[in-house]
Amino acid sequence: MLSFLRQLFGRGRSERYFIAIDVGSNTAIRSLLFSEAAHDRISLQKQHFELPRRDTYADLVPLVDAHLRRILSQYVKGIRAVPTGIVIGLGSSFAVNDIRTVRRERPKPENAVEPEEIRGILDGFIATETERTINGEQHALAHLMPFRVTLDGYPIHAVSPTTAGRILEVQIFATYVPSALWARLAGLRALWGGMPIRFISDQAAIAAVVITLMNVPDAALIKIGARVTEVTLLADGGIPLTGRFARGGDDVTRAIAARLRMSDADAERIKRQLGATELPRDTLAAVTGVVTGEVEIWLANLVQFFKDNQRMILPDRVYLYGGGAGLALLRQRLAAKAWYHDLTFRDELGVMPLTAEDIPGLRFRNAVSPVRGPEEVALAALIHRADH
C-alpha cells in the first residue's frame, strides 16, 4: 500500500519528506514538516498546538489522537506525498521510561561477538517485556533504544573479529505507554493506507543527540515541564538513571495566581514575562517572593530525587531545558553550590541552559532554524531522528 501511495502522490520527485512531532507535555504539541533533496534541508511548515487544561492524561488522550490525525492529514495533503519518515516523541505526561540492563553469558567466549547476538538480546527483550503493569495500569512497550554495550565490563562501540569475551551486557532505554493511549497511537499507522511512524521517548532522543552530536558522554539532563520535571543522567555514553517528579512550571503559575488573586492565564503571562517587562513595584516584589519560594520547593524535590535514586556522583555538567528553564531565578539558584554539596565531591557544577540551537546539524537552506529555545530541544532532537 505504501508503494502505491508513493506512486500516486510522489511520482517523479527527488525530495524526501519528513515529519517530527513532539507530544512532550500535557500542554502543547509541536510539529515540523521538512524536506531533503541534494543534501539541502528545507523547512516547509511548523505547527504549535496548545492543549486544553485537563487534570489527567486520560482526559487528553482523545484530544491528542484527534490533533495528531488532523496534522498528519494536513501535511500529507499539502505535499501530496507519503513522508519517508515520521517520528513522534512522547514526554513523561504520556509515557514511562525505564532503564534495563540485560546480561547474557556467551557459551563460547573465545568466539568473536556477532551483531546477531546483540540483536537477539533486543528481540528477547521485546518478546518478554511487551507489556507491563505500572501503578496498577496496563502499559505497552512503545520503543526501546540500546545505549551501551559492554563485554566483560568494558564498553564496546563496534564489533570486530577481535571482539570476544564471556559476559555480554546491553543497556536498554525502554518506553512504555498506557495501553489505552497506545491503541490510539498505533492506530495512526493505518492512516492513508499505512504511515511509516516511529515512536520514541523525548528523553531518549535528547540523550542520544547530546551523547553523539554534542559529544557529551557525562551530564545531567533536567527538563522542567508544566507539571513534571524529568531527570536523566548520562555516564560514559550510557544512561544509569532516568526518572521524574511531580513539580513544574504550573506550580509557580498557580502560586502567583493565588498570591495576586488572578486567573491562571494572567499569572502564566506574568511568569513568562518576569524580568523582561516592567511591573509595578509592589507586584514585582510579590511575584519575586512567590517565585523564589516555589523555586526552593522545586529544588528540594530535585535534591530528594537524586538522594532517592542516585547510584553515582553527579556529572560536572547540568543542562536545563523545557519551559521552566526560562526562569532566571531558578537558574541563579542552581548556580549556587549549597544545593549539591551532599551529592558530589566537586567544588562546582556547570549549570547551563540547553536550547534547540545547541543541537548541531540543524541547518535549513530557506530559513534560520525553525526550532529555537529551551522549549523546543525535544523537537530539535526528533528532527535529527526523523531522517536517520
Foldseek 3Di string as FASTA:
>chain_A
DQVVQQCQQPPPDQKAKEKEWEPAAQFKIKMWIWIDHPRFIATDDIDIDTHDDDDAVVVCLVVVLVVVLVVVVVVCVVRSHAHPFYEYAYHPSFKDKDKDKDKDFDPDQQFFDDPVVVVVSVVVCCVPPQWDQDPNFIKGWQDKDWFFKDAPRHTDDDTDRRHGHTMIMTIMIIMIGGPVSVVSVVVSQPPPNGHRYGYDYLVVLLLVLCCPQVVDQFEWEWEAEQFKIWIWTGDRRDTPDIDIDGHHDVVLLVQLCVQVVHDSVVSVVCQLCLPPDDDPPVSNVSSVVSVLVSLVVVLVVVLVVCVVDPPDAHDQEYEYFYPRVSGPSNQVVQQDPVSCVVRHVDPGHHYYYDWLVSRPDQDHDPDDRPGIGRNCVSSSSSVVVRVD
